[in-house]
Amino acid sequence: MKHKRAIIILLTLLLILATLVACKPKELPNYSNVIETVPEHILEVVESMKDKSGIYVFDSEKFGTDPNTYIAIVHSEKEKTMVTIGELSFGENDDLLVNLIETTASSDRDYSIIKIENFTENIVFDNEQNYENIDTEDLYITSKGSIHSLSDTDVIIGINSFPITLKITEKAGSQIEESNISTNDEVFFEYVINNDLKLMDIQKIISQGELNGIFIGYIDSHTVEIQVNEDHYSYQVNDEMIHKLNQEDVSFNQEITFSYIEFDSGQKILTEIN
């Protein structure tokens, strides 16, 4: 009899405990507006979005940021504006309801980035400014990193400490085979964001670093000549680097310090003017 009574008491206590746990409200995640601490590959994507306007939520699994989620709000047409969270709450399906508000920034900025800590579930937005989701189907991003793993269909590339997973296209697959790209190789690559991250182009890096040289000038619209010691080399430049060369007013015979990468094909890319 005493044994039976003890079991009843124990079951009652367990039922009370389960009820208390079920009634306990789910704790809202912490968040912060970030710029300086944004992972490099997230920043690369957001920089490529500057001619758009709207919201983009970075899938934490695809972009390797688990357990945190990053949200980008692009607002380049608005002067001295920053977007932040006004209020957080949970919906009926445990969706995180995010109310966005605009505040005044101390200087012009093209975008705001919010980090949601320890949260990777679904996010729903409520914002008076009616920011739409950014369409990324025509958005191509270039980056560099190290091969973590490789299969016939997928590749995981680490950018600093963040592994991103990409589907291999036919062209990229041929490049991987021709250059004998394998685990731990440093690569320069281009990908597009659709339902998956798709690897569109990949080059094996055989050399990279910083050099001192003399800027000779443009060979064509996207190639410059730089003298290093007694030798002359040509370096490819993209539109962003051309803008920086013009902004820094780099001229003929000017001494410069620059960063570069070189592919196994012999092609060299100018990546930074320091």
C-alpha atoms as a PDB file:
ATOM      1  CA  MET A   1       0.000   0.000   0.000  1.00  0.00           C
ATOM      2  CA  LYS A   2       2.799   2.395   0.941  1.00  0.00           C
ATOM      3  CA  HIS A   3       4.619   1.471  -2.279  1.00  0.00           C
ATOM      4  CA  LYS A   4       1.530   2.237  -4.362  1.00  0.00           C
ATOM      5  CA  ARG A   5       1.040   5.591  -2.594  1.00  0.00           C
ATOM      6  CA  ALA A   6       4.671   6.564  -3.284  1.00  0.00           C
ATOM      7  CA  ILE A   7       4.223   5.828  -7.000  1.00  0.00           C
ATOM      8  CA  ILE A   8       1.068   7.999  -7.105  1.00  0.00           C
ATOM      9  CA  ILE A   9       2.903  10.872  -5.375  1.00  0.00           C
ATOM     10  CA  LEU A  10       5.843  10.568  -7.778  1.00  0.00           C
ATOM     11  CA  LEU A  11       3.573  10.572 -10.840  1.00  0.00           C
ATOM     12  CA  THR A  12       1.728  13.602  -9.468  1.00  0.00           C
ATOM     13  CA  LEU A  13       4.994  15.499  -8.963  1.00  0.00           C
ATOM     14  CA  LEU A  14       6.137  14.612 -12.499  1.00  0.00           C
ATOM     15  CA  LEU A  15       2.798  15.840 -13.891  1.00  0.00           C
ATOM     16  CA  ILE A  16       3.129  19.135 -12.009  1.00  0.00           C
ATOM     17  CA  LEU A  17       6.715  19.562 -13.224  1.00  0.00           C
ATOM     18  CA  ALA A  18       5.718  18.857 -16.836  1.00  0.00           C
ATOM     19  CA  THR A  19       2.885  21.397 -16.570  1.00  0.00           C
ATOM     20  CA  LEU A  20       5.244  24.058 -15.204  1.00  0.00           C
ATOM     21  CA  VAL A  21       7.752  23.435 -17.997  1.00  0.00           C
ATOM     22  CA  ALA A  22       5.016  23.589 -20.642  1.00  0.00           C
ATOM     23  CA  CYS A  23       3.686  26.854 -19.259  1.00  0.00           C
ATOM     24  CA  LYS A  24       7.105  28.515 -19.101  1.00  0.00           C
ATOM     25  CA  PRO A  25       7.319  31.117 -21.880  1.00  0.00           C
ATOM     26  CA  LYS A  26       9.981  30.557 -24.549  1.00  0.00           C
ATOM     27  CA  GLU A  27      12.934  32.853 -24.027  1.00  0.00           C
ATOM     28  CA  LEU A  28      13.514  35.464 -26.737  1.00  0.00           C
ATOM     29  CA  PRO A  29      17.003  35.473 -28.306  1.00  0.00           C
ATOM     30  CA  ASN A  30      19.487  38.282 -27.881  1.00  0.00           C
ATOM     31  CA  TYR A  31      20.342  40.421 -30.904  1.00  0.00           C
ATOM     32  CA  SER A  32      22.687  43.227 -31.905  1.00  0.00           C
ATOM     33  CA  ASN A  33      23.428  45.509 -34.847  1.00  0.00           C
ATOM     34  CA  VAL A  34      26.869  44.574 -36.135  1.00  0.00           C
ATOM     35  CA  ILE A  35      29.330  45.789 -38.770  1.00  0.00           C
ATOM     36  CA  GLU A  36      32.912  45.301 -37.564  1.00  0.00           C
ATOM     37  CA  THR A  37      32.338  41.721 -36.394  1.00  0.00           C
ATOM     38  CA  VAL A  38      30.363  40.483 -39.422  1.00  0.00           C
ATOM     39  CA  PRO A  39      31.924  37.326 -40.924  1.00  0.00           C
ATOM     40  CA  GLU A  40      33.826  38.131 -44.121  1.00  0.00           C
ATOM     41  CA  HIS A  41      31.678  35.968 -46.417  1.00  0.00           C
ATOM     42  CA  ILE A  42      28.456  37.545 -45.085  1.00  0.00           C
ATOM     43  CA  LEU A  43      29.882  40.996 -45.719  1.00  0.00           C
ATOM     44  CA  GLU A  44      30.909  39.985 -49.266  1.00  0.00           C
ATOM     45  CA  VAL A  45      27.314  39.040 -50.058  1.00  0.00           C
ATOM     46  CA  VAL A  46      25.866  42.208 -48.530  1.00  0.00           C
ATOM     47  CA  GLU A  47      28.356  44.374 -50.426  1.00  0.00           C
ATOM     48  CA  SER A  48      27.094  42.715 -53.633  1.00  0.00           C
ATOM     49  CA  MET A  49      23.518  43.671 -52.694  1.00  0.00           C
ATOM     50  CA  LYS A  50      24.119  47.413 -52.434  1.00  0.00           C
ATOM     51  CA  ASP A  51      22.275  48.228 -55.659  1.00  0.00           C
ATOM     52  CA  LYS A  52      19.159  46.499 -54.309  1.00  0.00           C
ATOM     53  CA  SER A  53      16.757  47.339 -51.492  1.00  0.00           C
ATOM     54  CA  GLY A  54      15.160  44.977 -49.011  1.00  0.00           C
ATOM     55  CA  ILE A  55      15.751  42.185 -46.492  1.00  0.00           C
ATOM     56  CA  TYR A  56      17.843  39.046 -46.746  1.00  0.00           C
ATOM     57  CA  VAL A  57      18.077  36.355 -44.053  1.00  0.00           C
ATOM     58  CA  PHE A  58      21.237  34.246 -44.215  1.00  0.00           C
ATOM     59  CA  ASP A  59      20.482  30.545 -43.829  1.00  0.00           C
ATOM     60  CA  SER A  60      22.717  29.548 -40.906  1.00  0.00           C
ATOM     61  CA  GLU A  61      23.318  26.044 -42.269  1.00  0.00           C
ATOM     62  CA  LYS A  62      24.221  27.070 -45.821  1.00  0.00           C
ATOM     63  CA  PHE A  63      26.439  29.946 -44.699  1.00  0.00           C
ATOM     64  CA  GLY A  64      28.003  28.107 -41.751  1.00  0.00           C
ATOM     65  CA  THR A  65      26.971  30.607 -39.041  1.00  0.00           C
ATOM     66  CA  ASP A  66      25.047  28.167 -36.812  1.00  0.00           C
ATOM     67  CA  PRO A  67      23.966  28.809 -34.032  1.00  0.00           C
ATOM     68  CA  ASN A  68      23.537  32.448 -35.071  1.00  0.00           C
ATOM     69  CA  THR A  69      21.464  33.995 -37.857  1.00  0.00           C
ATOM     70  CA  TYR A  70      22.411  37.175 -39.716  1.00  0.00           C
ATOM     71  CA  ILE A  71      19.862  39.537 -41.275  1.00  0.00           C
ATOM     72  CA  ALA A  72      20.807  42.179 -43.852  1.00  0.00           C
ATOM     73  CA  ILE A  73      18.608  45.203 -44.551  1.00  0.00           C
ATOM     74  CA  VAL A  74      19.793  47.129 -47.616  1.00  0.00           C
ATOM     75  CA  HIS A  75      18.712  50.799 -47.690  1.00  0.00           C
ATOM     76  CA  SER A  76      21.343  52.537 -49.830  1.00  0.00           C
ATOM     77  CA  GLU A  77      18.837  55.066 -51.187  1.00  0.00           C
ATOM     78  CA  LYS A  78      18.213  56.513 -47.714  1.00  0.00           C
ATOM     79  CA  GLU A  79      20.621  59.010 -46.159  1.00  0.00           C
ATOM     80  CA  LYS A  80      21.944  58.579 -42.589  1.00  0.00           C
ATOM     81  CA  THR A  81      19.654  55.656 -41.833  1.00  0.00           C
ATOM     82  CA  MET A  82      20.110  52.536 -39.741  1.00  0.00           C
ATOM     83  CA  VAL A  83      17.580  49.735 -39.367  1.00  0.00           C
ATOM     84  CA  THR A  84      17.307  47.887 -36.081  1.00  0.00           C
ATOM     85  CA  ILE A  85      14.844  45.720 -34.158  1.00  0.00           C
ATOM     86  CA  GLY A  86      12.027  47.498 -32.374  1.00  0.00           C
ATOM     87  CA  GLU A  87      10.432  44.438 -30.818  1.00  0.00           C
ATOM     88  CA  LEU A  88      10.713  40.624 -30.798  1.00  0.00           C
ATOM     89  CA  SER A  89       7.973  38.113 -30.036  1.00  0.00           C
ATOM     90  CA  PHE A  90       6.970  34.540 -30.850  1.00  0.00           C
ATOM     91  CA  GLY A  91       4.064  33.631 -33.107  1.00  0.00           C
ATOM     92  CA  GLU A  92       1.701  30.662 -32.926  1.00  0.00           C
ATOM     93  CA  ASN A  93       4.137  28.292 -34.682  1.00  0.00           C
ATOM     94  CA  ASP A  94       7.121  29.546 -32.682  1.00  0.00           C
ATOM     95  CA  ASP A  95       8.080  31.792 -35.594  1.00  0.00           C
ATOM     96  CA  LEU A  96      10.204  34.698 -34.421  1.00  0.00           C
ATOM     97  CA  LEU A  97       8.239  37.872 -35.161  1.00  0.00           C
ATOM     98  CA  VAL A  98      10.660  40.721 -35.851  1.00  0.00           C
ATOM     99  CA  ASN A  99       9.501  44.309 -35.860  1.00  0.00           C
ATOM    100  CA  LEU A 100      11.989  46.503 -37.750  1.00  0.00           C
ATOM    101  CA  ILE A 101      12.357  50.227 -37.210  1.00  0.00           C
ATOM    102  CA  GLU A 102      14.518  52.896 -38.833  1.00  0.00           C
ATOM    103  CA  THR A 103      16.717  55.170 -36.750  1.00  0.00           C
ATOM    104  CA  THR A 104      19.100  57.981 -37.605  1.00  0.00           C
ATOM    105  CA  ALA A 105      22.724  57.024 -38.230  1.00  0.00           C
ATOM    106  CA  SER A 106      25.704  59.300 -37.688  1.00  0.00           C
ATOM    107  CA  SER A 107      26.784  58.852 -41.311  1.00  0.00           C
ATOM    108  CA  ASP A 108      25.492  57.477 -44.596  1.00  0.00           C
ATOM    109  CA  ARG A 109      25.477  53.682 -44.812  1.00  0.00           C
ATOM    110  CA  ASP A 110      24.185  51.351 -47.502  1.00  0.00           C
ATOM    111  CA  TYR A 111      22.933  48.608 -45.203  1.00  0.00           C
ATOM    112  CA  SER A 112      22.350  47.414 -41.654  1.00  0.00           C
ATOM    113  CA  ILE A 113      23.221  43.935 -40.402  1.00  0.00           C
ATOM    114  CA  ILE A 114      21.555  42.339 -37.384  1.00  0.00           C
ATOM    115  CA  LYS A 115      22.864  39.260 -35.603  1.00  0.00           C
ATOM    116  CA  ILE A 116      20.279  37.031 -33.873  1.00  0.00           C
ATOM    117  CA  GLU A 117      22.152  34.976 -31.298  1.00  0.00           C
ATOM    118  CA  ASN A 118      21.491  31.262 -30.784  1.00  0.00           C
ATOM    119  CA  PHE A 119      18.502  31.216 -33.118  1.00  0.00           C
ATOM    120  CA  THR A 120      18.217  29.394 -36.472  1.00  0.00           C
ATOM    121  CA  GLU A 121      14.464  28.893 -36.829  1.00  0.00           C
ATOM    122  CA  ASN A 122      11.918  30.700 -39.004  1.00  0.00           C
ATOM    123  CA  ILE A 123      11.760  34.508 -38.921  1.00  0.00           C
ATOM    124  CA  VAL A 124       8.750  36.643 -39.906  1.00  0.00           C
ATOM    125  CA  PHE A 125       9.061  40.405 -40.401  1.00  0.00           C
ATOM    126  CA  ASP A 126       6.749  43.236 -39.507  1.00  0.00           C
ATOM    127  CA  ASN A 127       8.108  46.564 -40.740  1.00  0.00           C
ATOM    128  CA  GLU A 128       6.419  49.858 -41.498  1.00  0.00           C
ATOM    129  CA  GLN A 129       8.912  50.564 -44.306  1.00  0.00           C
ATOM    130  CA  ASN A 130       7.678  47.499 -46.254  1.00  0.00           C
ATOM    131  CA  TYR A 131      11.114  46.104 -47.058  1.00  0.00           C
ATOM    132  CA  GLU A 132      10.690  43.198 -49.468  1.00  0.00           C
ATOM    133  CA  ASN A 133      12.829  40.070 -49.603  1.00  0.00           C
ATOM    134  CA  ILE A 134      15.877  40.590 -51.825  1.00  0.00           C
ATOM    135  CA  ASP A 135      15.928  38.484 -55.003  1.00  0.00           C
ATOM    136  CA  THR A 136      19.325  36.789 -55.202  1.00  0.00           C
ATOM    137  CA  GLU A 137      18.972  34.738 -58.417  1.00  0.00           C
ATOM    138  CA  ASP A 138      21.144  37.171 -60.394  1.00  0.00           C
ATOM    139  CA  LEU A 139      23.562  37.840 -57.528  1.00  0.00           C
ATOM    140  CA  TYR A 140      27.085  36.525 -58.149  1.00  0.00           C
ATOM    141  CA  ILE A 141      29.634  36.631 -55.316  1.00  0.00           C
ATOM    142  CA  THR A 142      33.390  36.097 -55.498  1.00  0.00           C
ATOM    143  CA  SER A 143      35.399  34.906 -52.524  1.00  0.00           C
ATOM    144  CA  LYS A 144      38.422  32.848 -51.527  1.00  0.00           C
ATOM    145  CA  GLY A 145      38.847  30.055 -49.035  1.00  0.00           C
ATOM    146  CA  SER A 146      40.110  26.549 -48.363  1.00  0.00           C
ATOM    147  CA  ILE A 147      38.550  23.256 -49.472  1.00  0.00           C
ATOM    148  CA  HIS A 148      37.196  21.393 -46.429  1.00  0.00           C
ATOM    149  CA  SER A 149      35.592  18.467 -48.245  1.00  0.00           C
ATOM    150  CA  LEU A 150      34.707  17.516 -51.795  1.00  0.00           C
ATOM    151  CA  SER A 151      32.315  15.069 -53.461  1.00  0.00           C
ATOM    152  CA  ASP A 152      30.954  14.636 -56.981  1.00  0.00           C
ATOM    153  CA  THR A 153      28.039  16.982 -56.256  1.00  0.00           C
ATOM    154  CA  ASP A 154      29.003  19.227 -53.322  1.00  0.00           C
ATOM    155  CA  VAL A 155      31.977  21.114 -51.968  1.00  0.00           C
ATOM    156  CA  ILE A 156      32.450  22.662 -48.539  1.00  0.00           C
ATOM    157  CA  ILE A 157      34.741  25.699 -48.609  1.00  0.00           C
ATOM    158  CA  GLY A 158      35.940  27.357 -45.427  1.00  0.00           C
ATOM    159  CA  ILE A 159      36.112  31.147 -45.444  1.00  0.00           C
ATOM    160  CA  ASN A 160      38.106  31.890 -42.315  1.00  0.00           C
ATOM    161  CA  SER A 161      36.343  29.692 -39.737  1.00  0.00           C
ATOM    162  CA  PHE A 162      32.982  29.478 -41.544  1.00  0.00           C
ATOM    163  CA  PRO A 163      32.258  26.464 -43.800  1.00  0.00           C
ATOM    164  CA  ILE A 164      29.806  27.111 -46.645  1.00  0.00           C
ATOM    165  CA  THR A 165      28.284  24.309 -48.703  1.00  0.00           C
ATOM    166  CA  LEU A 166      27.935  24.707 -52.479  1.00  0.00           C
ATOM    167  CA  LYS A 167      26.396  22.595 -55.241  1.00  0.00           C
ATOM    168  CA  ILE A 168      28.914  21.962 -58.028  1.00  0.00           C
ATOM    169  CA  THR A 169      27.847  23.027 -61.540  1.00  0.00           C
ATOM    170  CA  GLU A 170      29.130  21.250 -64.646  1.00  0.00           C
ATOM    171  CA  LYS A 171      31.641  24.014 -65.430  1.00  0.00           C
ATOM    172  CA  ALA A 172      33.004  24.094 -61.874  1.00  0.00           C
ATOM    173  CA  GLY A 173      33.226  20.308 -61.839  1.00  0.00           C
ATOM    174  CA  SER A 174      35.394  20.384 -64.962  1.00  0.00           C
ATOM    175  CA  GLN A 175      37.641  23.044 -63.411  1.00  0.00           C
ATOM    176  CA  ILE A 176      38.048  20.979 -60.237  1.00  0.00           C
ATOM    177  CA  GLU A 177      39.067  17.952 -62.297  1.00  0.00           C
ATOM    178  CA  GLU A 178      41.405  19.848 -64.654  1.00  0.00           C
ATOM    179  CA  SER A 179      43.218  21.661 -61.804  1.00  0.00           C
ATOM    180  CA  ASN A 180      43.222  18.555 -59.590  1.00  0.00           C
ATOM    181  CA  ILE A 181      41.641  20.552 -56.753  1.00  0.00           C
ATOM    182  CA  SER A 182      41.423  18.597 -53.507  1.00  0.00           C
ATOM    183  CA  THR A 183      41.042  18.958 -49.740  1.00  0.00           C
ATOM    184  CA  ASN A 184      43.025  21.811 -48.120  1.00  0.00           C
ATOM    185  CA  ASP A 185      43.689  23.596 -51.442  1.00  0.00           C
ATOM    186  CA  GLU A 186      43.280  27.387 -51.385  1.00  0.00           C
ATOM    187  CA  VAL A 187      40.789  28.516 -54.033  1.00  0.00           C
ATOM    188  CA  PHE A 188      39.245  31.638 -55.528  1.00  0.00           C
ATOM    189  CA  PHE A 189      35.636  31.027 -56.516  1.00  0.00           C
ATOM    190  CA  GLU A 190      32.361  32.514 -57.702  1.00  0.00           C
ATOM    191  CA  TYR A 191      28.926  31.354 -56.607  1.00  0.00           C
ATOM    192  CA  VAL A 192      25.291  32.328 -57.007  1.00  0.00           C
ATOM    193  CA  ILE A 193      22.505  32.174 -54.415  1.00  0.00           C
ATOM    194  CA  ASN A 194      19.407  30.301 -55.598  1.00  0.00           C
ATOM    195  CA  ASN A 195      17.595  27.702 -53.506  1.00  0.00           C
ATOM    196  CA  ASP A 196      21.095  26.348 -52.918  1.00  0.00           C
ATOM    197  CA  LEU A 197      24.486  28.007 -53.139  1.00  0.00           C
ATOM    198  CA  LYS A 198      25.781  27.042 -56.598  1.00  0.00           C
ATOM    199  CA  LEU A 199      29.479  27.012 -57.401  1.00  0.00           C
ATOM    200  CA  MET A 200      29.846  28.642 -60.827  1.00  0.00           C
ATOM    201  CA  ASP A 201      33.617  29.093 -61.188  1.00  0.00           C
ATOM    202  CA  ILE A 202      36.676  27.973 -59.211  1.00  0.00           C
ATOM    203  CA  GLN A 203      40.420  28.534 -59.545  1.00  0.00           C
ATOM    204  CA  LYS A 204      43.242  26.941 -57.582  1.00  0.00           C
ATOM    205  CA  ILE A 205      45.490  29.472 -55.831  1.00  0.00           C
ATOM    206  CA  ILE A 206      49.201  28.664 -56.006  1.00  0.00           C
ATOM    207  CA  SER A 207      50.525  31.937 -54.600  1.00  0.00           C
ATOM    208  CA  GLN A 208      49.247  34.921 -52.630  1.00  0.00           C
ATOM    209  CA  GLY A 209      50.687  37.675 -50.504  1.00  0.00           C
ATOM    210  CA  GLU A 210      51.756  41.314 -50.293  1.00  0.00           C
ATOM    211  CA  LEU A 211      54.410  42.993 -52.461  1.00  0.00           C
ATOM    212  CA  ASN A 212      55.957  46.414 -53.019  1.00  0.00           C
ATOM    213  CA  GLY A 213      56.093  47.649 -56.591  1.00  0.00           C
ATOM    214  CA  ILE A 214      55.727  50.502 -59.061  1.00  0.00           C
ATOM    215  CA  PHE A 215      52.393  51.075 -60.767  1.00  0.00           C
ATOM    216  CA  ILE A 216      53.031  51.352 -64.523  1.00  0.00           C
ATOM    217  CA  GLY A 217      49.454  51.757 -65.773  1.00  0.00           C
ATOM    218  CA  TYR A 218      46.527  50.079 -67.525  1.00  0.00           C
ATOM    219  CA  ILE A 219      47.124  47.478 -70.240  1.00  0.00           C
ATOM    220  CA  ASP A 220      43.394  47.315 -70.966  1.00  0.00           C
ATOM    221  CA  SER A 221      40.163  48.168 -69.114  1.00  0.00           C
ATOM    222  CA  HIS A 222      40.600  45.366 -66.549  1.00  0.00           C
ATOM    223  CA  THR A 223      44.363  44.717 -66.532  1.00  0.00           C
ATOM    224  CA  VAL A 224      47.156  46.740 -64.923  1.00  0.00           C
ATOM    225  CA  GLU A 225      50.933  46.482 -65.144  1.00  0.00           C
ATOM    226  CA  ILE A 226      53.076  46.596 -61.998  1.00  0.00           C
ATOM    227  CA  GLN A 227      56.860  46.460 -61.788  1.00  0.00           C
ATOM    228  CA  VAL A 228      58.269  44.350 -58.940  1.00  0.00           C
ATOM    229  CA  ASN A 229      62.043  44.703 -58.655  1.00  0.00           C
ATOM    230  CA  GLU A 230      63.217  44.444 -62.286  1.00  0.00           C
ATOM    231  CA  ASP A 231      60.284  42.390 -63.552  1.00  0.00           C
ATOM    232  CA  HIS A 232      56.959  43.561 -65.001  1.00  0.00           C
ATOM    233  CA  TYR A 233      53.711  41.679 -64.280  1.00  0.00           C
ATOM    234  CA  SER A 234      50.095  42.049 -65.380  1.00  0.00           C
ATOM    235  CA  TYR A 235      47.281  41.817 -62.812  1.00  0.00           C
ATOM    236  CA  GLN A 236      43.554  41.502 -63.434  1.00  0.00           C
ATOM    237  CA  VAL A 237      41.333  44.082 -61.673  1.00  0.00           C
ATOM    238  CA  ASN A 238      37.571  44.028 -61.121  1.00  0.00           C
ATOM    239  CA  ASP A 239      35.284  47.075 -61.068  1.00  0.00           C
ATOM    240  CA  GLU A 240      35.647  47.486 -57.300  1.00  0.00           C
ATOM    241  CA  MET A 241      39.453  47.552 -57.547  1.00  0.00           C
ATOM    242  CA  ILE A 242      39.309  49.999 -60.476  1.00  0.00           C
ATOM    243  CA  HIS A 243      37.158  52.279 -58.314  1.00  0.00           C
ATOM    244  CA  LYS A 244      39.690  52.046 -55.482  1.00  0.00           C
ATOM    245  CA  LEU A 245      42.635  52.798 -57.807  1.00  0.00           C
ATOM    246  CA  ASN A 246      40.790  55.893 -59.018  1.00  0.00           C
ATOM    247  CA  GLN A 247      39.782  56.845 -55.478  1.00  0.00           C
ATOM    248  CA  GLU A 248      43.393  56.558 -54.273  1.00  0.00           C
ATOM    249  CA  ASP A 249      44.487  58.481 -57.384  1.00  0.00           C
ATOM    250  CA  VAL A 250      47.168  55.892 -58.180  1.00  0.00           C
ATOM    251  CA  SER A 251      49.256  57.234 -61.074  1.00  0.00           C
ATOM    252  CA  PHE A 252      52.111  56.253 -63.428  1.00  0.00           C
ATOM    253  CA  ASN A 253      55.407  55.357 -61.692  1.00  0.00           C
ATOM    254  CA  GLN A 254      53.835  55.584 -58.230  1.00  0.00           C
ATOM    255  CA  GLU A 255      55.249  53.237 -55.590  1.00  0.00           C
ATOM    256  CA  ILE A 256      52.546  51.028 -54.086  1.00  0.00           C
ATOM    257  CA  THR A 257      52.103  48.156 -51.662  1.00  0.00           C
ATOM    258  CA  PHE A 258      49.536  45.669 -52.925  1.00  0.00           C
ATOM    259  CA  SER A 259      48.039  42.238 -52.276  1.00  0.00           C
ATOM    260  CA  TYR A 260      47.567  39.645 -54.990  1.00  0.00           C
ATOM    261  CA  ILE A 261      46.630  36.050 -55.706  1.00  0.00           C
ATOM    262  CA  GLU A 262      47.964  33.847 -58.510  1.00  0.00           C
ATOM    263  CA  PHE A 263      46.172  30.855 -60.034  1.00  0.00           C
ATOM    264  CA  ASP A 264      47.675  27.647 -61.369  1.00  0.00           C
ATOM    265  CA  SER A 265      46.809  28.951 -64.849  1.00  0.00           C
ATOM    266  CA  GLY A 266      49.338  31.761 -64.321  1.00  0.00           C
ATOM    267  CA  GLN A 267      46.684  34.471 -64.058  1.00  0.00           C
ATOM    268  CA  LYS A 268      47.273  37.071 -61.324  1.00  0.00           C
ATOM    269  CA  ILE A 269      44.566  39.098 -59.556  1.00  0.00           C
ATOM    270  CA  LEU A 270      45.127  42.420 -57.769  1.00  0.00           C
ATOM    271  CA  THR A 271      43.061  42.141 -54.580  1.00  0.00           C
ATOM    272  CA  GLU A 272      44.048  45.152 -52.498  1.00  0.00           C
ATOM    273  CA  ILE A 273      45.998  48.408 -52.517  1.00  0.00           C
ATOM    274  CA  ASN A 274      47.459  48.906 -49.041  1.00  0.00           C
END
